[in-house]
All heavy atoms as atom14 arrays in JSON, in Angstrom:
{
  "sequence": "ETPVQAAAVAIKGGTNLNCGGTFSELKKAVVEGLVSEELIHATTKQLF",
  "atom14_mask": [
    [1, 1, 1, 1, 1, 1, 1, 1, 1, 0, 0, 0, 0, 0],
    [1, 1, 1, 1, 1, 1, 1, 0, 0, 0, 0, 0, 0, 0],
    [1, 1, 1, 1, 1, 1, 1, 0, 0, 0, 0, 0, 0, 0],
    [1, 1, 1, 1, 1, 1, 1, 0, 0, 0, 0, 0, 0, 0],
    [1, 1, 1, 1, 1, 1, 1, 1, 1, 0, 0, 0, 0, 0],
    [1, 1, 1, 1, 1, 0, 0, 0, 0, 0, 0, 0, 0, 0],
    [1, 1, 1, 1, 1, 0, 0, 0, 0, 0, 0, 0, 0, 0],
    [1, 1, 1, 1, 1, 0, 0, 0, 0, 0, 0, 0, 0, 0],
    [1, 1, 1, 1, 1, 1, 1, 0, 0, 0, 0, 0, 0, 0],
    [1, 1, 1, 1, 1, 0, 0, 0, 0, 0, 0, 0, 0, 0],
    [1, 1, 1, 1, 1, 1, 1, 1, 0, 0, 0, 0, 0, 0],
    [1, 1, 1, 1, 1, 1, 1, 1, 1, 0, 0, 0, 0, 0],
    [1, 1, 1, 1, 0, 0, 0, 0, 0, 0, 0, 0, 0, 0],
    [1, 1, 1, 1, 0, 0, 0, 0, 0, 0, 0, 0, 0, 0],
    [1, 1, 1, 1, 1, 1, 1, 0, 0, 0, 0, 0, 0, 0],
    [1, 1, 1, 1, 1, 1, 1, 1, 0, 0, 0, 0, 0, 0],
    [1, 1, 1, 1, 1, 1, 1, 1, 0, 0, 0, 0, 0, 0],
    [1, 1, 1, 1, 1, 1, 1, 1, 0, 0, 0, 0, 0, 0],
    [1, 1, 1, 1, 1, 1, 0, 0, 0, 0, 0, 0, 0, 0],
    [1, 1, 1, 1, 0, 0, 0, 0, 0, 0, 0, 0, 0, 0],
    [1, 1, 1, 1, 0, 0, 0, 0, 0, 0, 0, 0, 0, 0],
    [1, 1, 1, 1, 1, 1, 1, 0, 0, 0, 0, 0, 0, 0],
    [1, 1, 1, 1, 1, 1, 1, 1, 1, 1, 1, 0, 0, 0],
    [1, 1, 1, 1, 1, 1, 0, 0, 0, 0, 0, 0, 0, 0],
    [1, 1, 1, 1, 1, 1, 1, 1, 1, 0, 0, 0, 0, 0],
    [1, 1, 1, 1, 1, 1, 1, 1, 0, 0, 0, 0, 0, 0],
    [1, 1, 1, 1, 1, 1, 1, 1, 1, 0, 0, 0, 0, 0],
    [1, 1, 1, 1, 1, 1, 1, 1, 1, 0, 0, 0, 0, 0],
    [1, 1, 1, 1, 1, 0, 0, 0, 0, 0, 0, 0, 0, 0],
    [1, 1, 1, 1, 1, 1, 1, 0, 0, 0, 0, 0, 0, 0],
    [1, 1, 1, 1, 1, 1, 1, 0, 0, 0, 0, 0, 0, 0],
    [1, 1, 1, 1, 1, 1, 1, 1, 1, 0, 0, 0, 0, 0],
    [1, 1, 1, 1, 0, 0, 0, 0, 0, 0, 0, 0, 0, 0],
    [1, 1, 1, 1, 1, 1, 1, 1, 0, 0, 0, 0, 0, 0],
    [1, 1, 1, 1, 1, 1, 1, 0, 0, 0, 0, 0, 0, 0],
    [1, 1, 1, 1, 1, 1, 0, 0, 0, 0, 0, 0, 0, 0],
    [1, 1, 1, 1, 1, 1, 1, 1, 1, 0, 0, 0, 0, 0],
    [1, 1, 1, 1, 1, 1, 1, 1, 1, 0, 0, 0, 0, 0],
    [1, 1, 1, 1, 1, 1, 1, 1, 0, 0, 0, 0, 0, 0],
    [1, 1, 1, 1, 1, 1, 1, 1, 0, 0, 0, 0, 0, 0],
    [1, 1, 1, 1, 1, 1, 1, 1, 1, 1, 0, 0, 0, 0],
    [1, 1, 1, 1, 1, 0, 0, 0, 0, 0, 0, 0, 0, 0],
    [1, 1, 1, 1, 1, 1, 1, 0, 0, 0, 0, 0, 0, 0],
    [1, 1, 1, 1, 1, 1, 1, 0, 0, 0, 0, 0, 0, 0],
    [1, 1, 1, 1, 1, 1, 1, 1, 1, 0, 0, 0, 0, 0],
    [1, 1, 1, 1, 1, 1, 1, 1, 1, 0, 0, 0, 0, 0],
    [1, 1, 1, 1, 1, 1, 1, 1, 0, 0, 0, 0, 0, 0],
    [1, 1, 1, 1, 1, 1, 1, 1, 1, 1, 1, 0, 0, 0]
  ],
  "atom14_positions": [
    [[8.28, -11.04, -4.29], [8.18, -12.5, -4.36], [9.31, -13.13, -5.26], [9.71, -14.17, -5.16], [6.84, -12.91, -4.56], [5.9, -12.57, -3.47], [4.55, -13.08, -3.78], [4.26, -13.57, -4.92], [3.58, -12.9, -2.91], [0.0, 0.0, 0.0], [0.0, 0.0, 0.0], [0.0, 0.0, 0.0], [0.0, 0.0, 0.0], [0.0, 0.0, 0.0]],
    [[9.65, -12.37, -6.36], [10.4, -13.0, -7.4], [11.55, -12.2, -7.84], [11.56, -10.95, -7.61], [9.5, -13.21, -8.7], [9.2, -11.95, -9.26], [8.31, -13.93, -8.36], [0.0, 0.0, 0.0], [0.0, 0.0, 0.0], [0.0, 0.0, 0.0], [0.0, 0.0, 0.0], [0.0, 0.0, 0.0], [0.0, 0.0, 0.0], [0.0, 0.0, 0.0]],
    [[12.61, -12.81, -8.48], [13.66, -12.11, -9.0], [13.43, -11.04, -10.03], [14.0, -10.0, -9.99], [14.66, -13.18, -9.61], [14.21, -14.51, -8.93], [12.77, -14.35, -8.63], [0.0, 0.0, 0.0], [0.0, 0.0, 0.0], [0.0, 0.0, 0.0], [0.0, 0.0, 0.0], [0.0, 0.0, 0.0], [0.0, 0.0, 0.0], [0.0, 0.0, 0.0]],
    [[12.39, -11.24, -10.86], [11.83, -10.34, -11.83], [11.36, -9.03, -11.09], [11.72, -7.93, -11.46], [10.86, -10.96, -12.7], [10.34, -9.9, -13.72], [11.34, -12.09, -13.53], [0.0, 0.0, 0.0], [0.0, 0.0, 0.0], [0.0, 0.0, 0.0], [0.0, 0.0, 0.0], [0.0, 0.0, 0.0], [0.0, 0.0, 0.0], [0.0, 0.0, 0.0]],
    [[10.57, -9.29, -10.08], [10.04, -8.17, -9.34], [11.15, -7.33, -8.59], [11.07, -6.11, -8.56], [8.96, -8.67, -8.35], [7.8, -9.2, -9.02], [6.9, -9.99, -7.97], [7.31, -10.4, -6.86], [5.57, -10.05, -8.27], [0.0, 0.0, 0.0], [0.0, 0.0, 0.0], [0.0, 0.0, 0.0], [0.0, 0.0, 0.0], [0.0, 0.0, 0.0]],
    [[12.09, -8.11, -8.04], [13.34, -7.44, -7.35], [14.09, -6.52, -8.29], [14.35, -5.38, -8.06], [14.2, -8.48, -6.79], [0.0, 0.0, 0.0], [0.0, 0.0, 0.0], [0.0, 0.0, 0.0], [0.0, 0.0, 0.0], [0.0, 0.0, 0.0], [0.0, 0.0, 0.0], [0.0, 0.0, 0.0], [0.0, 0.0, 0.0], [0.0, 0.0, 0.0]],
    [[14.25, -7.12, -9.45], [15.09, -6.29, -10.56], [14.24, -5.04, -10.84], [14.8, -3.94, -10.97], [15.34, -7.11, -11.77], [0.0, 0.0, 0.0], [0.0, 0.0, 0.0], [0.0, 0.0, 0.0], [0.0, 0.0, 0.0], [0.0, 0.0, 0.0], [0.0, 0.0, 0.0], [0.0, 0.0, 0.0], [0.0, 0.0, 0.0], [0.0, 0.0, 0.0]],
    [[12.97, -5.14, -11.01], [12.15, -4.03, -11.39], [12.06, -3.02, -10.38], [12.2, -1.78, -10.69], [10.61, -4.65, -11.75], [0.0, 0.0, 0.0], [0.0, 0.0, 0.0], [0.0, 0.0, 0.0], [0.0, 0.0, 0.0], [0.0, 0.0, 0.0], [0.0, 0.0, 0.0], [0.0, 0.0, 0.0], [0.0, 0.0, 0.0], [0.0, 0.0, 0.0]],
    [[11.9, -3.42, -9.08], [11.76, -2.34, -7.99], [13.1, -1.66, -7.85], [13.13, -0.45, -7.52], [11.17, -2.92, -6.76], [9.75, -3.34, -6.9], [11.98, -3.95, -6.08], [0.0, 0.0, 0.0], [0.0, 0.0, 0.0], [0.0, 0.0, 0.0], [0.0, 0.0, 0.0], [0.0, 0.0, 0.0], [0.0, 0.0, 0.0], [0.0, 0.0, 0.0]],
    [[14.12, -2.44, -8.08], [15.56, -1.81, -7.82], [15.74, -0.66, -8.83], [16.16, 0.4, -8.48], [16.63, -2.88, -7.94], [0.0, 0.0, 0.0], [0.0, 0.0, 0.0], [0.0, 0.0, 0.0], [0.0, 0.0, 0.0], [0.0, 0.0, 0.0], [0.0, 0.0, 0.0], [0.0, 0.0, 0.0], [0.0, 0.0, 0.0], [0.0, 0.0, 0.0]],
    [[15.58, -1.05, -10.08], [15.88, -0.08, -11.2], [14.88, 1.13, -11.11], [15.3, 2.17, -11.3], [15.93, -0.71, -12.58], [16.57, 0.18, -13.6], [14.55, -1.27, -13.08], [16.98, -0.45, -14.97], [0.0, 0.0, 0.0], [0.0, 0.0, 0.0], [0.0, 0.0, 0.0], [0.0, 0.0, 0.0], [0.0, 0.0, 0.0], [0.0, 0.0, 0.0]],
    [[13.68, 0.89, -10.86], [12.67, 1.98, -10.66], [12.92, 2.77, -9.45], [12.61, 3.95, -9.3], [11.3, 1.35, -10.57], [10.83, 0.79, -12.03], [9.57, -0.07, -11.89], [8.31, 0.73, -11.61], [7.11, 0.05, -11.67], [0.0, 0.0, 0.0], [0.0, 0.0, 0.0], [0.0, 0.0, 0.0], [0.0, 0.0, 0.0], [0.0, 0.0, 0.0]],
    [[13.45, 2.08, -8.35], [13.92, 2.92, -7.28], [15.02, 3.77, -7.29], [15.28, 4.5, -6.32], [0.0, 0.0, 0.0], [0.0, 0.0, 0.0], [0.0, 0.0, 0.0], [0.0, 0.0, 0.0], [0.0, 0.0, 0.0], [0.0, 0.0, 0.0], [0.0, 0.0, 0.0], [0.0, 0.0, 0.0], [0.0, 0.0, 0.0], [0.0, 0.0, 0.0]],
    [[15.86, 3.56, -8.25], [17.05, 4.43, -8.51], [18.35, 3.73, -8.56], [19.38, 4.45, -8.7], [0.0, 0.0, 0.0], [0.0, 0.0, 0.0], [0.0, 0.0, 0.0], [0.0, 0.0, 0.0], [0.0, 0.0, 0.0], [0.0, 0.0, 0.0], [0.0, 0.0, 0.0], [0.0, 0.0, 0.0], [0.0, 0.0, 0.0], [0.0, 0.0, 0.0]],
    [[18.38, 2.42, -8.6], [19.66, 1.73, -8.77], [19.97, 1.67, -10.25], [19.17, 1.26, -11.15], [19.55, 0.25, -8.18], [19.51, 0.43, -6.84], [20.7, -0.56, -8.57], [0.0, 0.0, 0.0], [0.0, 0.0, 0.0], [0.0, 0.0, 0.0], [0.0, 0.0, 0.0], [0.0, 0.0, 0.0], [0.0, 0.0, 0.0], [0.0, 0.0, 0.0]],
    [[21.3, 1.97, -10.61], [21.77, 1.83, -11.9], [22.41, 0.54, -12.24], [22.28, -0.08, -13.35], [22.66, 3.08, -12.17], [22.15, 4.36, -12.06], [22.8, 5.24, -11.6], [20.85, 4.56, -12.26], [0.0, 0.0, 0.0], [0.0, 0.0, 0.0], [0.0, 0.0, 0.0], [0.0, 0.0, 0.0], [0.0, 0.0, 0.0], [0.0, 0.0, 0.0]],
    [[23.29, 0.17, -11.42], [24.18, -0.96, -11.51], [23.97, -2.11, -10.52], [23.94, -1.78, -9.3], [25.67, -0.54, -11.57], [26.79, -1.59, -11.99], [26.65, -1.84, -13.41], [28.07, -0.97, -11.63], [0.0, 0.0, 0.0], [0.0, 0.0, 0.0], [0.0, 0.0, 0.0], [0.0, 0.0, 0.0], [0.0, 0.0, 0.0], [0.0, 0.0, 0.0]],
    [[23.93, -3.35, -10.96], [23.69, -4.49, -10.08], [25.05, -5.22, -9.95], [25.52, -5.79, -10.85], [22.54, -5.39, -10.66], [22.34, -6.64, -9.99], [21.92, -7.64, -10.45], [22.68, -6.68, -8.63], [0.0, 0.0, 0.0], [0.0, 0.0, 0.0], [0.0, 0.0, 0.0], [0.0, 0.0, 0.0], [0.0, 0.0, 0.0], [0.0, 0.0, 0.0]],
    [[25.57, -5.09, -8.65], [26.57, -6.0, -8.42], [26.01, -7.39, -8.13], [25.4, -7.64, -6.96], [27.54, -5.54, -7.28], [28.92, -6.62, -6.93], [0.0, 0.0, 0.0], [0.0, 0.0, 0.0], [0.0, 0.0, 0.0], [0.0, 0.0, 0.0], [0.0, 0.0, 0.0], [0.0, 0.0, 0.0], [0.0, 0.0, 0.0], [0.0, 0.0, 0.0]],
    [[26.03, -8.3, -9.09], [25.26, -9.43, -9.03], [24.61, -9.83, -10.27], [24.92, -9.19, -11.36], [0.0, 0.0, 0.0], [0.0, 0.0, 0.0], [0.0, 0.0, 0.0], [0.0, 0.0, 0.0], [0.0, 0.0, 0.0], [0.0, 0.0, 0.0], [0.0, 0.0, 0.0], [0.0, 0.0, 0.0], [0.0, 0.0, 0.0], [0.0, 0.0, 0.0]],
    [[23.79, -10.76, -10.32], [23.16, -11.23, -11.52], [21.69, -11.03, -11.72], [21.09, -11.35, -12.82], [0.0, 0.0, 0.0], [0.0, 0.0, 0.0], [0.0, 0.0, 0.0], [0.0, 0.0, 0.0], [0.0, 0.0, 0.0], [0.0, 0.0, 0.0], [0.0, 0.0, 0.0], [0.0, 0.0, 0.0], [0.0, 0.0, 0.0], [0.0, 0.0, 0.0]],
    [[21.01, -10.4, -10.72], [19.57, -10.38, -10.81], [19.05, -9.44, -12.02], [17.94, -9.66, -12.46], [18.99, -9.9, -9.43], [19.54, -10.72, -8.48], [17.4, -10.05, -9.42], [0.0, 0.0, 0.0], [0.0, 0.0, 0.0], [0.0, 0.0, 0.0], [0.0, 0.0, 0.0], [0.0, 0.0, 0.0], [0.0, 0.0, 0.0], [0.0, 0.0, 0.0]],
    [[19.79, -8.43, -12.31], [19.35, -7.53, -13.37], [19.24, -8.33, -14.74], [18.73, -7.67, -15.7], [20.34, -6.31, -13.49], [19.75, -5.12, -12.72], [18.83, -5.29, -11.72], [20.38, -3.86, -13.0], [18.39, -4.17, -11.01], [19.96, -2.8, -12.3], [18.97, -2.95, -11.27], [0.0, 0.0, 0.0], [0.0, 0.0, 0.0], [0.0, 0.0, 0.0]],
    [[19.74, -9.51, -14.8], [19.48, -10.32, -15.99], [17.99, -10.55, -16.27], [17.62, -10.84, -17.46], [20.15, -11.63, -15.97], [21.5, -11.58, -15.77], [0.0, 0.0, 0.0], [0.0, 0.0, 0.0], [0.0, 0.0, 0.0], [0.0, 0.0, 0.0], [0.0, 0.0, 0.0], [0.0, 0.0, 0.0], [0.0, 0.0, 0.0], [0.0, 0.0, 0.0]],
    [[17.17, -10.38, -15.18], [15.72, -10.59, -15.28], [14.99, -9.33, -15.9], [13.77, -9.27, -15.96], [15.22, -10.86, -13.92], [15.86, -12.04, -13.21], [15.48, -13.36, -13.78], [14.4, -13.43, -14.52], [16.16, -14.41, -13.58], [0.0, 0.0, 0.0], [0.0, 0.0, 0.0], [0.0, 0.0, 0.0], [0.0, 0.0, 0.0], [0.0, 0.0, 0.0]],
    [[15.74, -8.27, -16.18], [15.09, -7.08, -16.67], [14.3, -7.2, -17.97], [13.34, -6.58, -18.25], [16.09, -5.95, -16.68], [16.49, -5.32, -15.37], [17.58, -4.31, -15.55], [15.26, -4.65, -14.65], [0.0, 0.0, 0.0], [0.0, 0.0, 0.0], [0.0, 0.0, 0.0], [0.0, 0.0, 0.0], [0.0, 0.0, 0.0], [0.0, 0.0, 0.0]],
    [[14.81, -8.13, -18.83], [14.13, -8.41, -20.13], [12.74, -8.92, -19.8], [11.76, -8.38, -20.39], [14.89, -9.32, -20.9], [14.24, -9.71, -22.25], [14.19, -8.46, -23.16], [13.52, -8.8, -24.49], [14.25, -9.83, -25.32], [0.0, 0.0, 0.0], [0.0, 0.0, 0.0], [0.0, 0.0, 0.0], [0.0, 0.0, 0.0], [0.0, 0.0, 0.0]],
    [[12.61, -9.79, -18.83], [11.27, -10.24, -18.49], [10.37, -9.23, -17.83], [9.26, -9.17, -18.0], [11.37, -11.46, -17.48], [12.06, -12.75, -17.92], [12.13, -13.8, -17.02], [12.78, -15.05, -17.56], [12.95, -16.11, -16.51], [0.0, 0.0, 0.0], [0.0, 0.0, 0.0], [0.0, 0.0, 0.0], [0.0, 0.0, 0.0], [0.0, 0.0, 0.0]],
    [[11.18, -8.32, -17.07], [10.36, -7.23, -16.42], [9.82, -6.31, -17.45], [8.76, -5.85, -17.34], [11.3, -6.51, -15.48], [0.0, 0.0, 0.0], [0.0, 0.0, 0.0], [0.0, 0.0, 0.0], [0.0, 0.0, 0.0], [0.0, 0.0, 0.0], [0.0, 0.0, 0.0], [0.0, 0.0, 0.0], [0.0, 0.0, 0.0], [0.0, 0.0, 0.0]],
    [[10.6, -6.09, -18.53], [10.01, -5.24, -19.62], [8.75, -5.9, -20.33], [7.87, -5.24, -20.55], [11.12, -5.0, -20.67], [10.54, -4.32, -21.94], [12.22, -4.12, -20.08], [0.0, 0.0, 0.0], [0.0, 0.0, 0.0], [0.0, 0.0, 0.0], [0.0, 0.0, 0.0], [0.0, 0.0, 0.0], [0.0, 0.0, 0.0], [0.0, 0.0, 0.0]],
    [[9.02, -7.25, -20.6], [7.95, -7.95, -21.32], [6.66, -7.96, -20.42], [5.6, -7.86, -20.94], [8.42, -9.48, -21.53], [7.21, -10.21, -22.06], [9.62, -9.42, -22.61], [0.0, 0.0, 0.0], [0.0, 0.0, 0.0], [0.0, 0.0, 0.0], [0.0, 0.0, 0.0], [0.0, 0.0, 0.0], [0.0, 0.0, 0.0], [0.0, 0.0, 0.0]],
    [[6.87, -8.1, -19.15], [5.68, -8.08, -18.2], [5.12, -6.65, -17.82], [4.18, -6.55, -17.11], [6.04, -8.82, -16.89], [6.37, -10.26, -17.04], [6.85, -11.02, -15.82], [6.63, -10.42, -14.73], [7.36, -12.08, -15.94], [0.0, 0.0, 0.0], [0.0, 0.0, 0.0], [0.0, 0.0, 0.0], [0.0, 0.0, 0.0], [0.0, 0.0, 0.0]],
    [[5.73, -5.67, -18.44], [5.3, -4.36, -18.18], [5.59, -3.71, -16.97], [5.06, -2.72, -16.42], [0.0, 0.0, 0.0], [0.0, 0.0, 0.0], [0.0, 0.0, 0.0], [0.0, 0.0, 0.0], [0.0, 0.0, 0.0], [0.0, 0.0, 0.0], [0.0, 0.0, 0.0], [0.0, 0.0, 0.0], [0.0, 0.0, 0.0], [0.0, 0.0, 0.0]],
    [[6.55, -4.34, -16.21], [6.99, -3.84, -14.84], [8.08, -2.68, -14.98], [8.21, -1.84, -14.13], [7.63, -5.0, -14.07], [6.71, -6.12, -13.74], [7.52, -7.24, -12.99], [5.61, -5.65, -12.91], [0.0, 0.0, 0.0], [0.0, 0.0, 0.0], [0.0, 0.0, 0.0], [0.0, 0.0, 0.0], [0.0, 0.0, 0.0], [0.0, 0.0, 0.0]],
    [[8.76, -2.66, -16.16], [9.81, -1.71, -16.43], [9.71, -1.2, -17.83], [9.49, -2.03, -18.78], [11.15, -2.23, -16.12], [12.31, -1.24, -16.55], [11.31, -2.67, -14.61], [0.0, 0.0, 0.0], [0.0, 0.0, 0.0], [0.0, 0.0, 0.0], [0.0, 0.0, 0.0], [0.0, 0.0, 0.0], [0.0, 0.0, 0.0], [0.0, 0.0, 0.0]],
    [[9.9, 0.09, -18.1], [9.78, 0.57, -19.42], [11.22, 0.48, -20.14], [12.24, 0.54, -19.47], [9.32, 2.06, -19.47], [10.34, 2.91, -18.77], [0.0, 0.0, 0.0], [0.0, 0.0, 0.0], [0.0, 0.0, 0.0], [0.0, 0.0, 0.0], [0.0, 0.0, 0.0], [0.0, 0.0, 0.0], [0.0, 0.0, 0.0], [0.0, 0.0, 0.0]],
    [[11.19, 0.35, -21.5], [12.51, 0.45, -22.16], [13.19, 1.82, -22.01], [14.44, 1.91, -22.0], [12.25, 0.12, -23.63], [11.76, -1.25, -23.92], [11.9, -1.63, -25.41], [12.8, -1.17, -26.11], [10.97, -2.43, -25.84], [0.0, 0.0, 0.0], [0.0, 0.0, 0.0], [0.0, 0.0, 0.0], [0.0, 0.0, 0.0], [0.0, 0.0, 0.0]],
    [[12.36, 2.79, -21.86], [12.89, 4.18, -21.63], [13.72, 4.29, -20.38], [14.85, 4.93, -20.34], [11.78, 5.3, -21.59], [11.02, 5.46, -22.9], [10.07, 4.43, -23.18], [9.74, 3.6, -22.4], [9.63, 4.31, -24.34], [0.0, 0.0, 0.0], [0.0, 0.0, 0.0], [0.0, 0.0, 0.0], [0.0, 0.0, 0.0], [0.0, 0.0, 0.0]],
    [[13.29, 3.61, -19.26], [14.06, 3.55, -18.11], [15.35, 2.83, -18.18], [16.41, 3.2, -17.69], [13.23, 2.98, -16.94], [13.91, 2.87, -15.56], [14.41, 4.22, -15.1], [13.06, 2.22, -14.58], [0.0, 0.0, 0.0], [0.0, 0.0, 0.0], [0.0, 0.0, 0.0], [0.0, 0.0, 0.0], [0.0, 0.0, 0.0], [0.0, 0.0, 0.0]],
    [[15.34, 1.64, -19.01], [16.48, 0.82, -19.31], [17.57, 1.77, -20.0], [18.8, 1.84, -19.69], [16.19, -0.37, -20.08], [15.2, -1.37, -19.43], [17.51, -1.1, -20.43], [15.83, -1.98, -18.2], [0.0, 0.0, 0.0], [0.0, 0.0, 0.0], [0.0, 0.0, 0.0], [0.0, 0.0, 0.0], [0.0, 0.0, 0.0], [0.0, 0.0, 0.0]],
    [[17.04, 2.54, -20.95], [17.86, 3.47, -21.83], [18.48, 4.54, -20.96], [19.84, 4.72, -21.02], [16.99, 4.01, -22.91], [17.82, 5.01, -23.88], [18.57, 4.47, -24.81], [17.98, 6.3, -23.9], [19.16, 5.42, -25.55], [18.84, 6.59, -24.9], [0.0, 0.0, 0.0], [0.0, 0.0, 0.0], [0.0, 0.0, 0.0], [0.0, 0.0, 0.0]],
    [[17.67, 5.2, -20.08], [18.26, 6.26, -19.28], [19.2, 5.64, -18.26], [20.27, 6.32, -17.99], [17.05, 6.86, -18.51], [0.0, 0.0, 0.0], [0.0, 0.0, 0.0], [0.0, 0.0, 0.0], [0.0, 0.0, 0.0], [0.0, 0.0, 0.0], [0.0, 0.0, 0.0], [0.0, 0.0, 0.0], [0.0, 0.0, 0.0], [0.0, 0.0, 0.0]],
    [[18.98, 4.42, -17.64], [19.86, 3.93, -16.8], [21.28, 3.56, -17.43], [22.24, 3.74, -16.81], [19.26, 2.65, -16.08], [18.04, 3.09, -15.52], [20.14, 2.09, -15.13], [0.0, 0.0, 0.0], [0.0, 0.0, 0.0], [0.0, 0.0, 0.0], [0.0, 0.0, 0.0], [0.0, 0.0, 0.0], [0.0, 0.0, 0.0], [0.0, 0.0, 0.0]],
    [[21.21, 3.05, -18.52], [22.37, 2.67, -19.29], [23.29, 3.91, -19.65], [24.46, 3.88, -19.45], [22.11, 2.02, -20.65], [21.22, 0.85, -20.3], [23.34, 1.44, -21.26], [0.0, 0.0, 0.0], [0.0, 0.0, 0.0], [0.0, 0.0, 0.0], [0.0, 0.0, 0.0], [0.0, 0.0, 0.0], [0.0, 0.0, 0.0], [0.0, 0.0, 0.0]],
    [[22.57, 4.92, -19.95], [23.29, 6.24, -20.22], [23.9, 6.73, -19.03], [25.08, 7.24, -19.08], [22.33, 7.27, -20.72], [21.89, 7.09, -22.19], [20.82, 8.12, -22.61], [21.31, 9.56, -22.42], [20.44, 10.7, -22.91], [0.0, 0.0, 0.0], [0.0, 0.0, 0.0], [0.0, 0.0, 0.0], [0.0, 0.0, 0.0], [0.0, 0.0, 0.0]],
    [[23.35, 6.64, -17.9], [23.97, 7.11, -16.59], [25.21, 6.36, -16.33], [26.3, 7.04, -15.87], [22.94, 6.85, -15.34], [23.32, 7.69, -14.24], [23.26, 9.2, -14.33], [22.21, 9.61, -14.86], [24.28, 9.96, -14.06], [0.0, 0.0, 0.0], [0.0, 0.0, 0.0], [0.0, 0.0, 0.0], [0.0, 0.0, 0.0], [0.0, 0.0, 0.0]],
    [[25.35, 5.13, -16.58], [26.59, 4.23, -16.4], [27.62, 4.75, -17.42], [28.79, 4.83, -17.12], [26.3, 2.85, -16.54], [25.42, 2.32, -15.4], [25.09, 0.82, -15.7], [26.11, 2.31, -14.1], [0.0, 0.0, 0.0], [0.0, 0.0, 0.0], [0.0, 0.0, 0.0], [0.0, 0.0, 0.0], [0.0, 0.0, 0.0], [0.0, 0.0, 0.0]],
    [[27.36, 4.94, -18.6], [28.25, 5.38, -19.66], [28.78, 6.82, -19.49], [29.92, 7.05, -19.88], [27.7, 5.13, -21.04], [27.89, 3.7, -21.54], [26.89, 2.71, -21.34], [29.12, 3.32, -21.99], [27.13, 1.46, -21.71], [29.38, 2.01, -22.41], [28.36, 1.07, -22.34], [0.0, 0.0, 0.0], [0.0, 0.0, 0.0], [0.0, 0.0, 0.0]]
  ]
}
């Protein structure tokens, strides 16, 4: 239903990089408990 939920299901589903701006909502997703900081860390490492 929301951009925050979309960002959460995408990164949890296996997407690393967002062509677009919706991943800006990931901070809210972390605060709301939808995504862990560990997943953000692992995803960032994959890109680097």
